[in-house]
Every structure is written in C-alpha cells, then in structure tokens.
Amino acid sequence: YGQENAIYRNRGDGRFENVSETAGPHFQEKHVGRGGTGFDY
C-alpha cells in the first residue's frame, strides 16, 4: 500500500512544520518507500 513521503522544516524553536504540501508534486504521490538518502548530485 503506497503512502506519501513527508518532509518537515525545523522552525528553530523546538518544533517541526510539515511542508509536504508545498514541497513539490512528489509529496502528493503514493509509493511503497523504503531506502532514502541525501546527496548533492
């Protein structure tokens, strides 16, 4: 069952803000995610 991936912005005050809705169309898609990492390709 696919689910949306999520991305959160650190506000710097101890809280995270879910910015998935404005982070791009990918975050509205559903996938069966597993591995994930970051790199400046």
Full PDB file with SEQRES, HELIX, SHEET, SSBOND, CRYST1, ORIGX, SCALE, CONECT and MASTER records, all heavy atoms in Angstrom:
SEQRES   1 A   41  TYR GLY GLN GLU ASN ALA ILE TYR ARG ASN ARG GLY ASP          
SEQRES   2 A   41  GLY ARG PHE GLU ASN VAL SER GLU THR ALA GLY PRO HIS          
SEQRES   3 A   41  PHE GLN GLU LYS HIS VAL GLY ARG GLY GLY THR GLY PHE          
SEQRES   4 A   41  ASP TYR                                                      
HELIX    1 AA1 SER A   20  THR A   22  5                                   3    
HELIX    2 AA2 PRO A   25  GLN A   28  5                                   4    
SHEET    1 AA1 2 TYR A   8  ASN A  10  0                                        
SHEET    2 AA1 2 PHE A  16  ASN A  18 -1                                        
CRYST1    1.000    1.000    1.000  90.00  90.00  90.00 P 1           1          
ORIGX1      1.000000  0.000000  0.000000        0.00000                         
ORIGX2      0.000000  1.000000  0.000000        0.00000                         
ORIGX3      0.000000  0.000000  1.000000        0.00000                         
SCALE1      1.000000  0.000000  0.000000        0.00000                         
SCALE2      0.000000  1.000000  0.000000        0.00000                         
SCALE3      0.000000  0.000000  1.000000        0.00000                         
ATOM      1  N   TYR A   1       0.846  -1.183   0.000  1.00  0.00           N  
ATOM      2  CA  TYR A   1       0.000   0.000   0.000  1.00  0.00           C  
ATOM      3  C   TYR A   1       0.886   1.239   0.000  1.00  0.00           C  
ATOM      4  O   TYR A   1       1.705   1.427   0.892  1.00  0.00           O  
ATOM      5  CB  TYR A   1      -0.913   0.023   1.226  1.00  0.00           C  
ATOM      6  CG  TYR A   1      -1.936  -1.099   1.274  1.00  0.00           C  
ATOM      7  CD1 TYR A   1      -2.456  -1.538   2.479  1.00  0.00           C  
ATOM      8  CD2 TYR A   1      -2.393  -1.712   0.105  1.00  0.00           C  
ATOM      9  CE1 TYR A   1      -3.389  -2.565   2.536  1.00  0.00           C  
ATOM     10  CE2 TYR A   1      -3.320  -2.734   0.139  1.00  0.00           C  
ATOM     11  CZ  TYR A   1      -3.817  -3.158   1.359  1.00  0.00           C  
ATOM     12  OH  TYR A   1      -4.739  -4.172   1.409  1.00  0.00           O  
ATOM     13  N   GLY A   2       0.714   2.058  -1.004  1.00  0.00           N  
ATOM     14  CA  GLY A   2       1.535   3.245  -1.099  1.00  0.00           C  
ATOM     15  C   GLY A   2       1.133   4.315  -0.098  1.00  0.00           C  
ATOM     16  O   GLY A   2      -0.036   4.420   0.306  1.00  0.00           O  
ATOM     17  N   GLN A   3       2.110   5.106   0.315  1.00  0.00           N  
ATOM     18  CA  GLN A   3       1.884   6.250   1.196  1.00  0.00           C  
ATOM     19  C   GLN A   3       2.721   7.419   0.705  1.00  0.00           C  
ATOM     20  O   GLN A   3       3.730   7.238   0.012  1.00  0.00           O  
ATOM     21  CB  GLN A   3       2.269   5.918   2.645  1.00  0.00           C  
ATOM     22  CG  GLN A   3       1.433   4.830   3.284  1.00  0.00           C  
ATOM     23  CD  GLN A   3       1.878   4.519   4.706  1.00  0.00           C  
ATOM     24  OE1 GLN A   3       2.985   4.843   5.110  1.00  0.00           O  
ATOM     25  NE2 GLN A   3       1.006   3.881   5.459  1.00  0.00           N  
ATOM     26  N   GLU A   4       2.297   8.625   1.062  1.00  0.00           N  
ATOM     27  CA  GLU A   4       3.067   9.801   0.695  1.00  0.00           C  
ATOM     28  C   GLU A   4       4.320   9.908   1.557  1.00  0.00           C  
ATOM     29  O   GLU A   4       4.285   9.639   2.756  1.00  0.00           O  
ATOM     30  CB  GLU A   4       2.237  11.075   0.880  1.00  0.00           C  
ATOM     31  CG  GLU A   4       0.939  11.115   0.074  1.00  0.00           C  
ATOM     32  CD  GLU A   4      -0.236  10.553   0.846  1.00  0.00           C  
ATOM     33  OE1 GLU A   4      -0.005   9.860   1.874  1.00  0.00           O  
ATOM     34  OE2 GLU A   4      -1.380  10.791   0.421  1.00  0.00           O  
ATOM     35  N   ASN A   5       5.443  10.279   0.941  1.00  0.00           N  
ATOM     36  CA  ASN A   5       6.618  10.633   1.718  1.00  0.00           C  
ATOM     37  C   ASN A   5       6.386  11.997   2.357  1.00  0.00           C  
ATOM     38  O   ASN A   5       5.503  12.751   1.945  1.00  0.00           O  
ATOM     39  CB  ASN A   5       7.870  10.644   0.844  1.00  0.00           C  
ATOM     40  CG  ASN A   5       8.242   9.260   0.370  1.00  0.00           C  
ATOM     41  OD1 ASN A   5       8.085   8.284   1.095  1.00  0.00           O  
ATOM     42  ND2 ASN A   5       8.719   9.160  -0.863  1.00  0.00           N  
ATOM     43  N   ALA A   6       7.168  12.309   3.381  1.00  0.00           N  
ATOM     44  CA  ALA A   6       6.921  13.538   4.139  1.00  0.00           C  
ATOM     45  C   ALA A   6       8.221  14.292   4.377  1.00  0.00           C  
ATOM     46  O   ALA A   6       9.283  13.689   4.555  1.00  0.00           O  
ATOM     47  CB  ALA A   6       6.263  13.206   5.476  1.00  0.00           C  
ATOM     48  N   ILE A   7       8.115  15.616   4.378  1.00  0.00           N  
ATOM     49  CA  ILE A   7       9.262  16.467   4.661  1.00  0.00           C  
ATOM     50  C   ILE A   7       8.829  17.562   5.631  1.00  0.00           C  
ATOM     51  O   ILE A   7       7.728  18.116   5.522  1.00  0.00           O  
ATOM     52  CB  ILE A   7       9.853  17.053   3.352  1.00  0.00           C  
ATOM     53  CG1 ILE A   7      11.172  17.766   3.639  1.00  0.00           C  
ATOM     54  CG2 ILE A   7       8.865  17.940   2.619  1.00  0.00           C  
ATOM     55  CD1 ILE A   7      11.978  18.060   2.385  1.00  0.00           C  
ATOM     56  N   TYR A   8       9.683  17.823   6.625  1.00  0.00           N  
ATOM     57  CA  TYR A   8       9.358  18.748   7.702  1.00  0.00           C  
ATOM     58  C   TYR A   8      10.475  19.787   7.834  1.00  0.00           C  
ATOM     59  O   TYR A   8      11.656  19.452   7.792  1.00  0.00           O  
ATOM     60  CB  TYR A   8       9.220  18.009   9.038  1.00  0.00           C  
ATOM     61  CG  TYR A   8       8.180  16.917   9.021  1.00  0.00           C  
ATOM     62  CD1 TYR A   8       8.501  15.641   8.558  1.00  0.00           C  
ATOM     63  CD2 TYR A   8       6.879  17.136   9.469  1.00  0.00           C  
ATOM     64  CE1 TYR A   8       7.551  14.631   8.532  1.00  0.00           C  
ATOM     65  CE2 TYR A   8       5.926  16.135   9.457  1.00  0.00           C  
ATOM     66  CZ  TYR A   8       6.270  14.881   8.983  1.00  0.00           C  
ATOM     67  OH  TYR A   8       5.329  13.879   8.965  1.00  0.00           O  
ATOM     68  N   ARG A   9      10.073  21.024   8.040  1.00  0.00           N  
ATOM     69  CA  ARG A   9      11.029  22.112   8.245  1.00  0.00           C  
ATOM     70  C   ARG A   9      11.219  22.359   9.735  1.00  0.00           C  
ATOM     71  O   ARG A   9      10.260  22.486  10.491  1.00  0.00           O  
ATOM     72  CB  ARG A   9      10.537  23.393   7.573  1.00  0.00           C  
ATOM     73  CG  ARG A   9      11.464  24.582   7.776  1.00  0.00           C  
ATOM     74  CD  ARG A   9      10.965  25.823   7.059  1.00  0.00           C  
ATOM     75  NE  ARG A   9      11.810  26.975   7.351  1.00  0.00           N  
ATOM     76  CZ  ARG A   9      11.619  27.808   8.371  1.00  0.00           C  
ATOM     77  NH1 ARG A   9      10.580  27.631   9.182  1.00  0.00           N  
ATOM     78  NH2 ARG A   9      12.446  28.812   8.581  1.00  0.00           N  
ATOM     79  N   ASN A  10      12.485  22.404  10.150  1.00  0.00           N  
ATOM     80  CA  ASN A  10      12.831  22.734  11.527  1.00  0.00           C  
ATOM     81  C   ASN A  10      12.688  24.245  11.712  1.00  0.00           C  
ATOM     82  O   ASN A  10      13.417  25.027  11.092  1.00  0.00           O  
ATOM     83  CB  ASN A  10      14.262  22.283  11.823  1.00  0.00           C  
ATOM     84  CG  ASN A  10      14.636  22.407  13.290  1.00  0.00           C  
ATOM     85  OD1 ASN A  10      14.023  23.146  14.041  1.00  0.00           O  
ATOM     86  ND2 ASN A  10      15.672  21.678  13.684  1.00  0.00           N  
ATOM     87  N   ARG A  11      11.755  24.664  12.556  1.00  0.00           N  
ATOM     88  CA  ARG A  11      11.497  26.096  12.738  1.00  0.00           C  
ATOM     89  C   ARG A  11      12.522  26.770  13.642  1.00  0.00           C  
ATOM     90  O   ARG A  11      12.533  28.000  13.761  1.00  0.00           O  
ATOM     91  CB  ARG A  11      10.094  26.307  13.336  1.00  0.00           C  
ATOM     92  CG  ARG A  11       8.997  25.671  12.517  1.00  0.00           C  
ATOM     93  CD  ARG A  11       7.615  26.170  12.900  1.00  0.00           C  
ATOM     94  NE  ARG A  11       7.445  26.362  14.334  1.00  0.00           N  
ATOM     95  CZ  ARG A  11       6.291  26.709  14.902  1.00  0.00           C  
ATOM     96  NH1 ARG A  11       5.225  26.894  14.141  1.00  0.00           N  
ATOM     97  NH2 ARG A  11       6.180  26.866  16.209  1.00  0.00           N  
ATOM     98  N   GLY A  12      13.358  25.988  14.306  1.00  0.00           N  
ATOM     99  CA  GLY A  12      14.374  26.557  15.182  1.00  0.00           C  
ATOM    100  C   GLY A  12      13.876  26.879  16.572  1.00  0.00           C  
ATOM    101  O   GLY A  12      14.631  27.421  17.389  1.00  0.00           O  
ATOM    102  N   ASP A  13      12.613  26.538  16.874  1.00  0.00           N  
ATOM    103  CA  ASP A  13      12.046  26.787  18.198  1.00  0.00           C  
ATOM    104  C   ASP A  13      11.620  25.500  18.894  1.00  0.00           C  
ATOM    105  O   ASP A  13      10.813  25.525  19.816  1.00  0.00           O  
ATOM    106  CB  ASP A  13      10.848  27.739  18.090  1.00  0.00           C  
ATOM    107  CG  ASP A  13       9.719  27.174  17.217  1.00  0.00           C  
ATOM    108  OD1 ASP A  13       9.879  26.057  16.673  1.00  0.00           O  
ATOM    109  OD2 ASP A  13       8.670  27.848  17.088  1.00  0.00           O  
ATOM    110  N   GLY A  14      12.166  24.371  18.431  1.00  0.00           N  
ATOM    111  CA  GLY A  14      11.814  23.092  19.023  1.00  0.00           C  
ATOM    112  C   GLY A  14      10.693  22.363  18.307  1.00  0.00           C  
ATOM    113  O   GLY A  14      10.334  21.257  18.700  1.00  0.00           O  
ATOM    114  N   ARG A  15      10.140  22.969  17.260  1.00  0.00           N  
ATOM    115  CA  ARG A  15       9.027  22.355  16.548  1.00  0.00           C  
ATOM    116  C   ARG A  15       9.370  22.176  15.066  1.00  0.00           C  
ATOM    117  O   ARG A  15      10.165  22.923  14.491  1.00  0.00           O  
ATOM    118  CB  ARG A  15       7.756  23.200  16.676  1.00  0.00           C  
ATOM    119  CG  ARG A  15       7.222  23.256  18.100  1.00  0.00           C  
ATOM    120  CD  ARG A  15       5.917  24.033  18.162  1.00  0.00           C  
ATOM    121  NE  ARG A  15       4.872  23.427  17.335  1.00  0.00           N  
ATOM    122  CZ  ARG A  15       4.113  22.413  17.727  1.00  0.00           C  
ATOM    123  NH1 ARG A  15       4.291  21.872  18.926  1.00  0.00           N  
ATOM    124  NH2 ARG A  15       3.173  21.916  16.942  1.00  0.00           N  
ATOM    125  N   PHE A  16       8.721  21.155  14.471  1.00  0.00           N  
ATOM    126  CA  PHE A  16       8.841  20.901  13.044  1.00  0.00           C  
ATOM    127  C   PHE A  16       7.522  21.238  12.353  1.00  0.00           C  
ATOM    128  O   PHE A  16       6.449  20.961  12.883  1.00  0.00           O  
ATOM    129  CB  PHE A  16       9.191  19.437  12.773  1.00  0.00           C  
ATOM    130  CG  PHE A  16      10.638  19.102  12.999  1.00  0.00           C  
ATOM    131  CD1 PHE A  16      11.086  18.722  14.252  1.00  0.00           C  
ATOM    132  CD2 PHE A  16      11.551  19.157  11.959  1.00  0.00           C  
ATOM    133  CE1 PHE A  16      12.425  18.405  14.476  1.00  0.00           C  
ATOM    134  CE2 PHE A  16      12.889  18.843  12.166  1.00  0.00           C  
ATOM    135  CZ  PHE A  16      13.322  18.470  13.425  1.00  0.00           C  
ATOM    136  N   GLU A  17       7.634  21.814  11.159  1.00  0.00           N  
ATOM    137  CA  GLU A  17       6.466  22.182  10.366  1.00  0.00           C  
ATOM    138  C   GLU A  17       6.395  21.277   9.145  1.00  0.00           C  
ATOM    139  O   GLU A  17       7.356  21.168   8.376  1.00  0.00           O  
ATOM    140  CB  GLU A  17       6.593  23.646   9.939  1.00  0.00           C  
ATOM    141  CG  GLU A  17       5.516  24.113   8.986  1.00  0.00           C  
ATOM    142  CD  GLU A  17       5.799  25.504   8.445  1.00  0.00           C  
ATOM    143  OE1 GLU A  17       6.892  26.057   8.743  1.00  0.00           O  
ATOM    144  OE2 GLU A  17       4.941  26.029   7.717  1.00  0.00           O  
ATOM    145  N   ASN A  18       5.254  20.606   8.953  1.00  0.00           N  
ATOM    146  CA  ASN A  18       5.071  19.742   7.790  1.00  0.00           C  
ATOM    147  C   ASN A  18       4.879  20.611   6.546  1.00  0.00           C  
ATOM    148  O   ASN A  18       3.885  21.308   6.409  1.00  0.00           O  
ATOM    149  CB  ASN A  18       3.856  18.840   7.997  1.00  0.00           C  
ATOM    150  CG  ASN A  18       3.764  17.752   6.933  1.00  0.00           C  
ATOM    151  OD1 ASN A  18       4.367  17.852   5.870  1.00  0.00           O  
ATOM    152  ND2 ASN A  18       3.010  16.712   7.219  1.00  0.00           N  
ATOM    153  N   VAL A  19       5.858  20.588   5.648  1.00  0.00           N  
ATOM    154  CA  VAL A  19       5.795  21.415   4.443  1.00  0.00           C  
ATOM    155  C   VAL A  19       5.611  20.549   3.196  1.00  0.00           C  
ATOM    156  O   VAL A  19       5.868  20.994   2.079  1.00  0.00           O  
ATOM    157  CB  VAL A  19       7.063  22.279   4.308  1.00  0.00           C  
ATOM    158  CG1 VAL A  19       7.153  23.287   5.444  1.00  0.00           C  
ATOM    159  CG2 VAL A  19       8.333  21.412   4.273  1.00  0.00           C  
ATOM    160  N   SER A  20       5.118  19.326   3.374  1.00  0.00           N  
ATOM    161  CA  SER A  20       4.980  18.389   2.261  1.00  0.00           C  
ATOM    162  C   SER A  20       4.062  18.918   1.172  1.00  0.00           C  
ATOM    163  O   SER A  20       4.290  18.686  -0.025  1.00  0.00           O  
ATOM    164  CB  SER A  20       4.455  17.044   2.773  1.00  0.00           C  
ATOM    165  OG  SER A  20       5.308  16.505   3.768  1.00  0.00           O  
ATOM    166  N   GLU A  21       3.000  19.643   1.546  1.00  0.00           N  
ATOM    167  CA  GLU A  21       2.026  20.109   0.554  1.00  0.00           C  
ATOM    168  C   GLU A  21       2.610  21.130  -0.397  1.00  0.00           C  
ATOM    169  O   GLU A  21       2.121  21.290  -1.518  1.00  0.00           O  
ATOM    170  CB  GLU A  21       0.803  20.688   1.264  1.00  0.00           C  
ATOM    171  CG  GLU A  21      -0.050  19.647   1.976  1.00  0.00           C  
ATOM    172  CD  GLU A  21      -1.340  20.240   2.504  1.00  0.00           C  
ATOM    173  OE1 GLU A  21      -1.552  21.462   2.328  1.00  0.00           O  
ATOM    174  OE2 GLU A  21      -2.127  19.496   3.098  1.00  0.00           O  
ATOM    175  N   THR A  22       3.655  21.838   0.023  1.00  0.00           N  
ATOM    176  CA  THR A  22       4.244  22.872  -0.822  1.00  0.00           C  
ATOM    177  C   THR A  22       5.645  22.502  -1.313  1.00  0.00           C  
ATOM    178  O   THR A  22       6.317  23.334  -1.934  1.00  0.00           O  
ATOM    179  CB  THR A  22       4.317  24.208  -0.054  1.00  0.00           C  
ATOM    180  OG1 THR A  22       5.107  24.037   1.139  1.00  0.00           O  
ATOM    181  CG2 THR A  22       2.926  24.677   0.338  1.00  0.00           C  
ATOM    182  N   ALA A  23       6.079  21.268  -1.048  1.00  0.00           N  
ATOM    183  CA  ALA A  23       7.455  20.878  -1.372  1.00  0.00           C  
ATOM    184  C   ALA A  23       7.602  20.297  -2.772  1.00  0.00           C  
ATOM    185  O   ALA A  23       8.710  19.965  -3.186  1.00  0.00           O  
ATOM    186  CB  ALA A  23       7.961  19.864  -0.350  1.00  0.00           C  
ATOM    187  N   GLY A  24       6.497  20.166  -3.511  1.00  0.00           N  
ATOM    188  CA  GLY A  24       6.578  19.626  -4.865  1.00  0.00           C  
ATOM    189  C   GLY A  24       5.581  18.511  -5.090  1.00  0.00           C  
ATOM    190  O   GLY A  24       5.065  17.910  -4.131  1.00  0.00           O  
ATOM    191  N   PRO A  25       5.279  18.198  -6.350  1.00  0.00           N  
ATOM    192  CA  PRO A  25       4.249  17.197  -6.662  1.00  0.00           C  
ATOM    193  C   PRO A  25       4.568  15.798  -6.153  1.00  0.00           C  
ATOM    194  O   PRO A  25       3.656  15.007  -5.936  1.00  0.00           O  
ATOM    195  CB  PRO A  25       4.164  17.234  -8.195  1.00  0.00           C  
ATOM    196  CG  PRO A  25       5.445  17.869  -8.650  1.00  0.00           C  
ATOM    197  CD  PRO A  25       5.836  18.824  -7.568  1.00  0.00           C  
ATOM    198  N   HIS A  26       5.850  15.470  -5.987  1.00  0.00           N  
ATOM    199  CA  HIS A  26       6.178  14.125  -5.499  1.00  0.00           C  
ATOM    200  C   HIS A  26       5.496  13.825  -4.181  1.00  0.00           C  
ATOM    201  O   HIS A  26       5.069  12.683  -3.946  1.00  0.00           O  
ATOM    202  CB  HIS A  26       7.692  13.969  -5.330  1.00  0.00           C  
ATOM    203  CG  HIS A  26       8.062  12.749  -4.528  1.00  0.00           C  
ATOM    204  ND1 HIS A  26       8.060  11.480  -5.055  1.00  0.00           N  
ATOM    205  CD2 HIS A  26       8.388  12.604  -3.200  1.00  0.00           C  
ATOM    206  CE1 HIS A  26       8.379  10.605  -4.110  1.00  0.00           C  
ATOM    207  NE2 HIS A  26       8.584  11.259  -2.994  1.00  0.00           N  
ATOM    208  N   PHE A  27       5.381  14.804  -3.311  1.00  0.00           N  
ATOM    209  CA  PHE A  27       4.861  14.569  -1.974  1.00  0.00           C  
ATOM    210  C   PHE A  27       3.337  14.422  -1.958  1.00  0.00           C  
ATOM    211  O   PHE A  27       2.746  14.233  -0.899  1.00  0.00           O  
ATOM    212  CB  PHE A  27       5.315  15.695  -1.042  1.00  0.00           C  
ATOM    213  CG  PHE A  27       6.802  15.679  -0.805  1.00  0.00           C  
ATOM    214  CD1 PHE A  27       7.655  16.432  -1.595  1.00  0.00           C  
ATOM    215  CD2 PHE A  27       7.354  14.877   0.178  1.00  0.00           C  
ATOM    216  CE1 PHE A  27       9.025  16.403  -1.388  1.00  0.00           C  
ATOM    217  CE2 PHE A  27       8.726  14.837   0.386  1.00  0.00           C  
ATOM    218  CZ  PHE A  27       9.561  15.594  -0.396  1.00  0.00           C  
ATOM    219  N   GLN A  28       2.718  14.476  -3.131  1.00  0.00           N  
ATOM    220  CA  GLN A  28       1.298  14.153  -3.255  1.00  0.00           C  
ATOM    221  C   GLN A  28       1.107  12.758  -3.856  1.00  0.00           C  
ATOM    222  O   GLN A  28      -0.019  12.275  -3.942  1.00  0.00           O  
ATOM    223  CB  GLN A  28       0.603  15.196  -4.137  1.00  0.00           C  
ATOM    224  CG  GLN A  28       0.910  16.642  -3.781  1.00  0.00           C  
ATOM    225  CD  GLN A  28       0.656  16.963  -2.322  1.00  0.00           C  
ATOM    226  OE1 GLN A  28      -0.378  16.581  -1.770  1.00  0.00           O  
ATOM    227  NE2 GLN A  28       1.591  17.669  -1.694  1.00  0.00           N  
ATOM    228  N   GLU A  29       2.186  12.125  -4.257  1.00  0.00           N  
ATOM    229  CA  GLU A  29       2.121  10.786  -4.839  1.00  0.00           C  
ATOM    230  C   GLU A  29       2.263   9.726  -3.749  1.00  0.00           C  
ATOM    231  O   GLU A  29       2.807   9.994  -2.672  1.00  0.00           O  
ATOM    232  CB  GLU A  29       3.243  10.609  -5.865  1.00  0.00           C  
ATOM    233  CG  GLU A  29       3.237  11.620  -6.996  1.00  0.00           C  
ATOM    234  CD  GLU A  29       4.501  11.537  -7.833  1.00  0.00           C  
ATOM    235  OE1 GLU A  29       5.373  10.680  -7.528  1.00  0.00           O  
ATOM    236  OE2 GLU A  29       4.635  12.341  -8.782  1.00  0.00           O  
ATOM    237  N   LYS A  30       1.788   8.515  -4.052  1.00  0.00           N  
ATOM    238  CA  LYS A  30       1.901   7.408  -3.107  1.00  0.00           C  
ATOM    239  C   LYS A  30       2.830   6.335  -3.667  1.00  0.00           C  
ATOM    240  O   LYS A  30       2.674   5.894  -4.805  1.00  0.00           O  
ATOM    241  CB  LYS A  30       0.525   6.814  -2.807  1.00  0.00           C  
ATOM    242  CG  LYS A  30      -0.386   7.760  -2.031  1.00  0.00           C  
ATOM    243  CD  LYS A  30      -1.678   7.079  -1.627  1.00  0.00           C  
ATOM    244  CE  LYS A  30      -2.547   8.031  -0.801  1.00  0.00           C  
ATOM    245  NZ  LYS A  30      -3.805   7.382  -0.336  1.00  0.00           N  
ATOM    246  N   HIS A  31       3.800   5.960  -2.848  1.00  0.00           N  
ATOM    247  CA  HIS A  31       4.741   4.908  -3.196  1.00  0.00           C  
ATOM    248  C   HIS A  31       4.959   4.034  -1.964  1.00  0.00           C  
ATOM    249  O   HIS A  31       4.630   4.424  -0.848  1.00  0.00           O  
ATOM    250  CB  HIS A  31       6.081   5.501  -3.644  1.00  0.00           C  
ATOM    251  CG  HIS A  31       5.986   6.398  -4.841  1.00  0.00           C  
ATOM    252  ND1 HIS A  31       6.041   5.931  -6.131  1.00  0.00           N  
ATOM    253  CD2 HIS A  31       5.828   7.751  -4.941  1.00  0.00           C  
ATOM    254  CE1 HIS A  31       5.932   6.945  -6.979  1.00  0.00           C  
ATOM    255  NE2 HIS A  31       5.799   8.056  -6.275  1.00  0.00           N  
ATOM    256  N   VAL A  32       5.516   2.851  -2.180  1.00  0.00           N  
ATOM    257  CA  VAL A  32       5.889   1.995  -1.054  1.00  0.00           C  
ATOM    258  C   VAL A  32       7.365   2.238  -0.787  1.00  0.00           C  
ATOM    259  O   VAL A  32       8.242   1.482  -1.209  1.00  0.00           O  
ATOM    260  CB  VAL A  32       5.594   0.508  -1.352  1.00  0.00           C  
ATOM    261  CG1 VAL A  32       5.819  -0.349  -0.096  1.00  0.00           C  
ATOM    262  CG2 VAL A  32       4.162   0.339  -1.845  1.00  0.00           C  
ATOM    263  N   GLY A  33       7.642   3.329  -0.085  1.00  0.00           N  
ATOM    264  CA  GLY A  33       9.011   3.761   0.123  1.00  0.00           C  
ATOM    265  C   GLY A  33       9.779   2.860   1.076  1.00  0.00           C  
ATOM    266  O   GLY A  33       9.226   2.304   2.025  1.00  0.00           O  
ATOM    267  N   ARG A  34      11.079   2.751   0.832  1.00  0.00           N  
ATOM    268  CA  ARG A  34      11.972   2.010   1.722  1.00  0.00           C  
ATOM    269  C   ARG A  34      13.236   2.844   1.971  1.00  0.00           C  
ATOM    270  O   ARG A  34      13.288   3.650   2.847  1.00  0.00           O  
ATOM    271  CB  ARG A  34      12.314   0.632   1.121  1.00  0.00           C  
ATOM    272  CG  ARG A  34      11.148  -0.356   1.145  1.00  0.00           C  
ATOM    273  CD  ARG A  34      10.691  -0.668   2.557  1.00  0.00           C  
ATOM    274  NE  ARG A  34       9.667  -1.710   2.593  1.00  0.00           N  
ATOM    275  CZ  ARG A  34       8.362  -1.486   2.648  1.00  0.00           C  
ATOM    276  NH1 ARG A  34       7.904  -0.237   2.641  1.00  0.00           N  
ATOM    277  NH2 ARG A  34       7.509  -2.481   2.706  1.00  0.00           N  
ATOM    278  N   GLY A  35      14.269   2.660   1.187  1.00  0.00           N  
ATOM    279  CA  GLY A  35      15.508   3.396   1.399  1.00  0.00           C  
ATOM    280  C   GLY A  35      15.387   4.845   0.948  1.00  0.00           C  
ATOM    281  O   GLY A  35      14.563   5.188   0.095  1.00  0.00           O  
ATOM    282  N   GLY A  36      16.214   5.690   1.524  1.00  0.00           N  
ATOM    283  CA  GLY A  36      16.234   7.088   1.137  1.00  0.00           C  
ATOM    284  C   GLY A  36      17.449   7.782   1.724  1.00  0.00           C  
ATOM    285  O   GLY A  36      17.844   7.481   2.855  1.00  0.00           O  
ATOM    286  N   THR A  37      18.044   8.685   0.963  1.00  0.00           N  
ATOM    287  CA  THR A  37      19.229   9.365   1.459  1.00  0.00           C  
ATOM    288  C   THR A  37      19.412  10.676   0.703  1.00  0.00           C  
ATOM    289  O   THR A  37      18.672  10.979  -0.233  1.00  0.00           O  
ATOM    290  CB  THR A  37      20.469   8.470   1.297  1.00  0.00           C  
ATOM    291  OG1 THR A  37      21.565   9.034   2.011  1.00  0.00           O  
ATOM    292  CG2 THR A  37      20.851   8.303  -0.155  1.00  0.00           C  
ATOM    293  N   GLY A  38      20.412  11.444   1.117  1.00  0.00           N  
ATOM    294  CA  GLY A  38      20.656  12.742   0.508  1.00  0.00           C  
ATOM    295  C   GLY A  38      22.018  12.820  -0.145  1.00  0.00           C  
ATOM    296  O   GLY A  38      22.987  12.242   0.350  1.00  0.00           O  
ATOM    297  N   PHE A  39      22.103  13.533  -1.268  1.00  0.00           N  
ATOM    298  CA  PHE A  39      23.387  13.826  -1.889  1.00  0.00           C  
ATOM    299  C   PHE A  39      23.196  14.974  -2.885  1.00  0.00           C  
ATOM    300  O   PHE A  39      22.121  15.139  -3.458  1.00  0.00           O  
ATOM    301  CB  PHE A  39      23.982  12.595  -2.573  1.00  0.00           C  
ATOM    302  CG  PHE A  39      23.286  12.174  -3.844  1.00  0.00           C  
ATOM    303  CD1 PHE A  39      23.943  12.251  -5.065  1.00  0.00           C  
ATOM    304  CD2 PHE A  39      21.996  11.669  -3.824  1.00  0.00           C  
ATOM    305  CE1 PHE A  39      23.315  11.857  -6.227  1.00  0.00           C  
ATOM    306  CE2 PHE A  39      21.361  11.274  -4.986  1.00  0.00           C  
ATOM    307  CZ  PHE A  39      22.016  11.361  -6.197  1.00  0.00           C  
ATOM    308  N   ASP A  40      24.236  15.738  -3.046  1.00  0.00           N  
ATOM    309  CA  ASP A  40      24.201  16.880  -3.949  1.00  0.00           C  
ATOM    310  C   ASP A  40      24.665  16.405  -5.322  1.00  0.00           C  
ATOM    311  O   ASP A  40      25.825  16.580  -5.685  1.00  0.00           O  
ATOM    312  CB  ASP A  40      25.090  17.999  -3.393  1.00  0.00           C  
ATOM    313  CG  ASP A  40      25.061  19.257  -4.238  1.00  0.00           C  
ATOM    314  OD1 ASP A  40      24.295  19.299  -5.220  1.00  0.00           O  
ATOM    315  OD2 ASP A  40      25.826  20.196  -3.927  1.00  0.00           O  
ATOM    316  N   TYR A  41      23.747  15.849  -6.098  1.00  0.00           N  
ATOM    317  CA  TYR A  41      24.148  15.199  -7.342  1.00  0.00           C  
ATOM    318  C   TYR A  41      24.548  16.188  -8.429  1.00  0.00           C  
ATOM    319  O   TYR A  41      25.331  15.855  -9.327  1.00  0.00           O  
ATOM    320  CB  TYR A  41      23.038  14.271  -7.846  1.00  0.00           C  
ATOM    321  CG  TYR A  41      21.983  14.947  -8.686  1.00  0.00           C  
ATOM    322  CD1 TYR A  41      22.058  14.927 -10.078  1.00  0.00           C  
ATOM    323  CD2 TYR A  41      20.918  15.618  -8.096  1.00  0.00           C  
ATOM    324  CE1 TYR A  41      21.101  15.552 -10.861  1.00  0.00           C  
ATOM    325  CE2 TYR A  41      19.961  16.238  -8.867  1.00  0.00           C  
ATOM    326  CZ  TYR A  41      20.051  16.203 -10.244  1.00  0.00           C  
ATOM    327  OH  TYR A  41      19.094  16.833 -10.997  1.00  0.00           O  
TER     328      TYR A  41                                                      
MASTER        0    0    0    2    2    0    0    6  327    1    0    4          
END                                                                             
